[in-house]
Amino acid sequence: MMLVSLTNISDWLAGTELSQAIASRNWTVPTLQSIHILSIGVVMASVAVLDLRLAGFLAREQSMRDYNLRFYPWIWGALCVLLGTGTLQIMAEPARELLNWIFLTKMGLLVAAVIFTASVRGLLEDRRFRDMPLGRRTVIRTCALVSLGLWVAIVVCGRWIAYAGGQV
């Protein structure tokens, strides 16, 4: 049932003027991919700094609140750019993306990572890592490493789409 729906959506998208316009110009897809990759770099760098700080491996004496104020806008801004460029890349090659189980896995991981990243803010306290109780530090460190792992898995899946997966 889902396969038929995704196939129908893919076929419909491939027939739209926007899809054909994107796919027919030699410069469009590489430009979209370049912007997408640069935005991935912004997200990954920001998430890595926040998660490493959250885990207590980096800048333990600095305020987590200041880190959040500095890096969260970059994460959410870059995610908006990723949404736009990703949508246009899907339009360029709908079957390659929508019918690929790796792409669907990447999207599931992305939803999980965004929800996790947004909800982990509730764990953050504006005090030094070493001043937190050991149990709290363990929970926060675990959450930070899970977050980092989710984002790395998304990048791996994104690269893997081009080389494997096939249709669902």
C-alpha atoms as a PDB file:
ATOM      1  CA  MET A   1       0.000   0.000   0.000  1.00  0.00           C
ATOM      2  CA  MET A   2       2.750   2.467   0.998  1.00  0.00           C
ATOM      3  CA  LEU A   3       4.854   1.478  -2.018  1.00  0.00           C
ATOM      4  CA  VAL A   4       2.006   2.250  -4.387  1.00  0.00           C
ATOM      5  CA  SER A   5       1.503   5.628  -2.747  1.00  0.00           C
ATOM      6  CA  LEU A   6       5.201   6.540  -2.878  1.00  0.00           C
ATOM      7  CA  THR A   7       5.439   5.331  -6.467  1.00  0.00           C
ATOM      8  CA  ASN A   8       2.410   7.401  -7.445  1.00  0.00           C
ATOM      9  CA  ILE A   9       3.787  10.463  -5.670  1.00  0.00           C
ATOM     10  CA  SER A  10       7.187   9.937  -7.286  1.00  0.00           C
ATOM     11  CA  ASP A  11       5.656   9.608 -10.752  1.00  0.00           C
ATOM     12  CA  TRP A  12       3.507  12.679 -10.221  1.00  0.00           C
ATOM     13  CA  LEU A  13       6.466  14.745  -8.981  1.00  0.00           C
ATOM     14  CA  ALA A  14       8.625  13.649 -11.917  1.00  0.00           C
ATOM     15  CA  GLY A  15       5.958  14.932 -14.289  1.00  0.00           C
ATOM     16  CA  THR A  16       5.730  18.421 -12.792  1.00  0.00           C
ATOM     17  CA  GLU A  17       7.252  21.415 -14.541  1.00  0.00           C
ATOM     18  CA  LEU A  18       9.423  22.197 -11.526  1.00  0.00           C
ATOM     19  CA  SER A  19      10.890  18.695 -11.472  1.00  0.00           C
ATOM     20  CA  GLN A  20      11.633  18.780 -15.176  1.00  0.00           C
ATOM     21  CA  ALA A  21      13.112  22.282 -14.940  1.00  0.00           C
ATOM     22  CA  ILE A  22      15.455  21.267 -12.112  1.00  0.00           C
ATOM     23  CA  ALA A  23      16.503  18.005 -13.756  1.00  0.00           C
ATOM     24  CA  SER A  24      17.043  19.540 -17.205  1.00  0.00           C
ATOM     25  CA  ARG A  25      19.592  22.172 -16.166  1.00  0.00           C
ATOM     26  CA  ASN A  26      23.134  20.911 -15.685  1.00  0.00           C
ATOM     27  CA  TRP A  27      23.966  23.392 -12.933  1.00  0.00           C
ATOM     28  CA  THR A  28      20.890  23.052 -10.713  1.00  0.00           C
ATOM     29  CA  VAL A  29      21.468  19.719  -8.966  1.00  0.00           C
ATOM     30  CA  PRO A  30      25.202  20.308  -8.255  1.00  0.00           C
ATOM     31  CA  THR A  31      24.372  23.773  -6.894  1.00  0.00           C
ATOM     32  CA  LEU A  32      21.620  22.385  -4.668  1.00  0.00           C
ATOM     33  CA  GLN A  33      23.905  19.593  -3.486  1.00  0.00           C
ATOM     34  CA  SER A  34      26.705  22.058  -2.696  1.00  0.00           C
ATOM     35  CA  ILE A  35      24.410  24.278  -0.625  1.00  0.00           C
ATOM     36  CA  HIS A  36      22.990  21.171   1.060  1.00  0.00           C
ATOM     37  CA  ILE A  37      26.471  19.901   1.969  1.00  0.00           C
ATOM     38  CA  LEU A  38      27.571  23.303   3.324  1.00  0.00           C
ATOM     39  CA  SER A  39      24.423  23.425   5.466  1.00  0.00           C
ATOM     40  CA  ILE A  40      25.153  19.913   6.739  1.00  0.00           C
ATOM     41  CA  GLY A  41      28.565  21.203   7.791  1.00  0.00           C
ATOM     42  CA  VAL A  42      26.961  24.050   9.748  1.00  0.00           C
ATOM     43  CA  VAL A  43      24.549  21.686  11.501  1.00  0.00           C
ATOM     44  CA  MET A  44      27.215  19.093  12.272  1.00  0.00           C
ATOM     45  CA  ALA A  45      29.735  21.634  13.568  1.00  0.00           C
ATOM     46  CA  SER A  46      27.125  23.317  15.760  1.00  0.00           C
ATOM     47  CA  VAL A  47      25.696  20.035  17.054  1.00  0.00           C
ATOM     48  CA  ALA A  48      29.181  18.671  17.719  1.00  0.00           C
ATOM     49  CA  VAL A  49      30.215  21.729  19.747  1.00  0.00           C
ATOM     50  CA  LEU A  50      26.952  21.717  21.720  1.00  0.00           C
ATOM     51  CA  ASP A  51      26.996  17.977  22.341  1.00  0.00           C
ATOM     52  CA  LEU A  52      30.662  17.922  23.329  1.00  0.00           C
ATOM     53  CA  ARG A  53      30.017  20.821  25.723  1.00  0.00           C
ATOM     54  CA  LEU A  54      26.870  19.133  27.008  1.00  0.00           C
ATOM     55  CA  ALA A  55      28.798  15.904  27.593  1.00  0.00           C
ATOM     56  CA  GLY A  56      31.439  17.804  29.543  1.00  0.00           C
ATOM     57  CA  PHE A  57      34.264  17.147  27.088  1.00  0.00           C
ATOM     58  CA  LEU A  58      34.615  20.746  25.925  1.00  0.00           C
ATOM     59  CA  ALA A  59      34.588  24.166  27.630  1.00  0.00           C
ATOM     60  CA  ARG A  60      33.387  22.789  30.961  1.00  0.00           C
ATOM     61  CA  GLU A  61      33.724  26.164  32.627  1.00  0.00           C
ATOM     62  CA  GLN A  62      31.632  28.048  30.082  1.00  0.00           C
ATOM     63  CA  SER A  63      27.919  28.620  30.342  1.00  0.00           C
ATOM     64  CA  MET A  64      25.708  26.135  28.504  1.00  0.00           C
ATOM     65  CA  ARG A  65      23.128  28.895  28.138  1.00  0.00           C
ATOM     66  CA  ASP A  66      25.619  31.009  26.188  1.00  0.00           C
ATOM     67  CA  TYR A  67      26.445  28.034  23.965  1.00  0.00           C
ATOM     68  CA  ASN A  68      22.763  27.472  23.262  1.00  0.00           C
ATOM     69  CA  LEU A  69      22.214  31.108  22.386  1.00  0.00           C
ATOM     70  CA  ARG A  70      25.220  30.995  20.080  1.00  0.00           C
ATOM     71  CA  PHE A  71      24.649  27.677  18.263  1.00  0.00           C
ATOM     72  CA  TYR A  72      20.932  26.840  18.249  1.00  0.00           C
ATOM     73  CA  PRO A  73      20.078  29.615  15.748  1.00  0.00           C
ATOM     74  CA  TRP A  74      22.726  28.201  13.396  1.00  0.00           C
ATOM     75  CA  ILE A  75      21.287  24.700  13.725  1.00  0.00           C
ATOM     76  CA  TRP A  76      17.691  25.748  13.066  1.00  0.00           C
ATOM     77  CA  GLY A  77      18.671  28.145  10.259  1.00  0.00           C
ATOM     78  CA  ALA A  78      20.758  25.509   8.516  1.00  0.00           C
ATOM     79  CA  LEU A  79      17.957  22.950   8.955  1.00  0.00           C
ATOM     80  CA  CYS A  80      15.619  25.340   7.136  1.00  0.00           C
ATOM     81  CA  VAL A  81      18.118  25.600   4.269  1.00  0.00           C
ATOM     82  CA  LEU A  82      18.444  21.789   4.276  1.00  0.00           C
ATOM     83  CA  LEU A  83      14.675  21.442   4.065  1.00  0.00           C
ATOM     84  CA  GLY A  84      14.570  23.730   1.032  1.00  0.00           C
ATOM     85  CA  THR A  85      17.509  22.239  -0.837  1.00  0.00           C
ATOM     86  CA  GLY A  86      16.478  18.698   0.084  1.00  0.00           C
ATOM     87  CA  THR A  87      12.945  19.249  -1.200  1.00  0.00           C
ATOM     88  CA  LEU A  88      14.290  20.598  -4.486  1.00  0.00           C
ATOM     89  CA  GLN A  89      16.679  17.636  -4.799  1.00  0.00           C
ATOM     90  CA  ILE A  90      13.740  15.280  -4.292  1.00  0.00           C
ATOM     91  CA  MET A  91      11.926  17.161  -7.040  1.00  0.00           C
ATOM     92  CA  ALA A  92      14.900  16.615  -9.364  1.00  0.00           C
ATOM     93  CA  GLU A  93      14.965  12.832  -8.864  1.00  0.00           C
ATOM     94  CA  PRO A  94      11.850  11.739  -6.974  1.00  0.00           C
ATOM     95  CA  ALA A  95      12.196   7.989  -7.587  1.00  0.00           C
ATOM     96  CA  ARG A  96      15.843   7.943  -6.478  1.00  0.00           C
ATOM     97  CA  GLU A  97      14.879   9.499  -3.156  1.00  0.00           C
ATOM     98  CA  LEU A  98      11.310   8.569  -2.270  1.00  0.00           C
ATOM     99  CA  LEU A  99      11.602   4.915  -3.280  1.00  0.00           C
ATOM    100  CA  ASN A 100      14.947   4.334  -1.540  1.00  0.00           C
ATOM    101  CA  TRP A 101      14.837   2.672   1.896  1.00  0.00           C
ATOM    102  CA  ILE A 102      18.020   4.477   2.932  1.00  0.00           C
ATOM    103  CA  PHE A 103      16.408   7.837   2.205  1.00  0.00           C
ATOM    104  CA  LEU A 104      13.373   6.819   4.268  1.00  0.00           C
ATOM    105  CA  THR A 105      15.706   5.709   7.081  1.00  0.00           C
ATOM    106  CA  LYS A 106      17.511   9.053   6.881  1.00  0.00           C
ATOM    107  CA  MET A 107      14.209  10.920   7.168  1.00  0.00           C
ATOM    108  CA  GLY A 108      13.194   8.831  10.186  1.00  0.00           C
ATOM    109  CA  LEU A 109      16.541   9.518  11.851  1.00  0.00           C
ATOM    110  CA  LEU A 110      16.189  13.216  11.033  1.00  0.00           C
ATOM    111  CA  VAL A 111      12.788  13.431  12.716  1.00  0.00           C
ATOM    112  CA  ALA A 112      14.196  11.605  15.749  1.00  0.00           C
ATOM    113  CA  ALA A 113      17.285  13.860  15.891  1.00  0.00           C
ATOM    114  CA  VAL A 114      15.292  17.090  15.606  1.00  0.00           C
ATOM    115  CA  ILE A 115      12.864  16.002  18.330  1.00  0.00           C
ATOM    116  CA  PHE A 116      15.736  14.787  20.486  1.00  0.00           C
ATOM    117  CA  THR A 117      17.787  17.966  19.948  1.00  0.00           C
ATOM    118  CA  ALA A 118      14.815  20.191  20.784  1.00  0.00           C
ATOM    119  CA  SER A 119      13.842  18.190  23.862  1.00  0.00           C
ATOM    120  CA  VAL A 120      17.371  17.889  25.278  1.00  0.00           C
ATOM    121  CA  ARG A 121      17.288  21.639  25.917  1.00  0.00           C
ATOM    122  CA  GLY A 122      15.202  20.803  28.986  1.00  0.00           C
ATOM    123  CA  LEU A 123      18.174  18.974  30.479  1.00  0.00           C
ATOM    124  CA  LEU A 124      20.444  21.938  30.171  1.00  0.00           C
ATOM    125  CA  GLU A 125      21.390  23.860  33.207  1.00  0.00           C
ATOM    126  CA  ASP A 126      23.409  26.995  33.393  1.00  0.00           C
ATOM    127  CA  ARG A 127      26.081  25.701  35.697  1.00  0.00           C
ATOM    128  CA  ARG A 128      29.436  24.087  35.325  1.00  0.00           C
ATOM    129  CA  PHE A 129      29.447  20.432  34.352  1.00  0.00           C
ATOM    130  CA  ARG A 130      31.526  19.403  37.365  1.00  0.00           C
ATOM    131  CA  ASP A 131      29.065  21.066  39.766  1.00  0.00           C
ATOM    132  CA  MET A 132      26.210  18.791  38.690  1.00  0.00           C
ATOM    133  CA  PRO A 133      25.435  15.592  40.586  1.00  0.00           C
ATOM    134  CA  LEU A 134      27.088  12.509  39.088  1.00  0.00           C
ATOM    135  CA  GLY A 135      23.773  10.933  38.065  1.00  0.00           C
ATOM    136  CA  ARG A 136      22.725  14.090  36.221  1.00  0.00           C
ATOM    137  CA  ARG A 137      26.098  14.299  34.473  1.00  0.00           C
ATOM    138  CA  THR A 138      25.731  10.687  33.310  1.00  0.00           C
ATOM    139  CA  VAL A 139      22.254  11.298  31.889  1.00  0.00           C
ATOM    140  CA  ILE A 140      23.341  14.491  30.150  1.00  0.00           C
ATOM    141  CA  ARG A 141      26.511  12.897  28.747  1.00  0.00           C
ATOM    142  CA  THR A 142      24.484   9.927  27.431  1.00  0.00           C
ATOM    143  CA  CYS A 143      21.941  12.252  25.789  1.00  0.00           C
ATOM    144  CA  ALA A 144      24.724  14.279  24.186  1.00  0.00           C
ATOM    145  CA  LEU A 145      26.380  11.169  22.741  1.00  0.00           C
ATOM    146  CA  VAL A 146      23.043   9.800  21.490  1.00  0.00           C
ATOM    147  CA  SER A 147      22.365  13.139  19.819  1.00  0.00           C
ATOM    148  CA  LEU A 148      25.772  13.176  18.152  1.00  0.00           C
ATOM    149  CA  GLY A 149      25.284   9.573  17.035  1.00  0.00           C
ATOM    150  CA  LEU A 150      21.900  10.366  15.476  1.00  0.00           C
ATOM    151  CA  TRP A 151      23.312  13.282  13.489  1.00  0.00           C
ATOM    152  CA  VAL A 152      26.297  11.242  12.288  1.00  0.00           C
ATOM    153  CA  ALA A 153      23.930   8.431  11.208  1.00  0.00           C
ATOM    154  CA  ILE A 154      21.913  10.968   9.189  1.00  0.00           C
ATOM    155  CA  VAL A 155      25.047  12.096   7.343  1.00  0.00           C
ATOM    156  CA  VAL A 156      26.088   8.491   6.679  1.00  0.00           C
ATOM    157  CA  CYS A 157      22.640   7.660   5.299  1.00  0.00           C
ATOM    158  CA  GLY A 158      22.730  10.801   3.161  1.00  0.00           C
ATOM    159  CA  ARG A 159      25.969   9.724   1.531  1.00  0.00           C
ATOM    160  CA  TRP A 160      24.831   6.121   1.243  1.00  0.00           C
ATOM    161  CA  ILE A 161      21.738   7.085  -0.798  1.00  0.00           C
ATOM    162  CA  ALA A 162      23.906   7.723  -3.838  1.00  0.00           C
ATOM    163  CA  TYR A 163      25.487   4.276  -3.761  1.00  0.00           C
ATOM    164  CA  ALA A 164      22.991   1.807  -2.368  1.00  0.00           C
ATOM    165  CA  GLY A 165      19.472   1.275  -1.246  1.00  0.00           C
ATOM    166  CA  GLY A 166      17.338   0.478  -4.214  1.00  0.00           C
ATOM    167  CA  GLN A 167      13.602   0.743  -4.157  1.00  0.00           C
ATOM    168  CA  VAL A 168      11.446  -0.132  -1.150  1.00  0.00           C
END
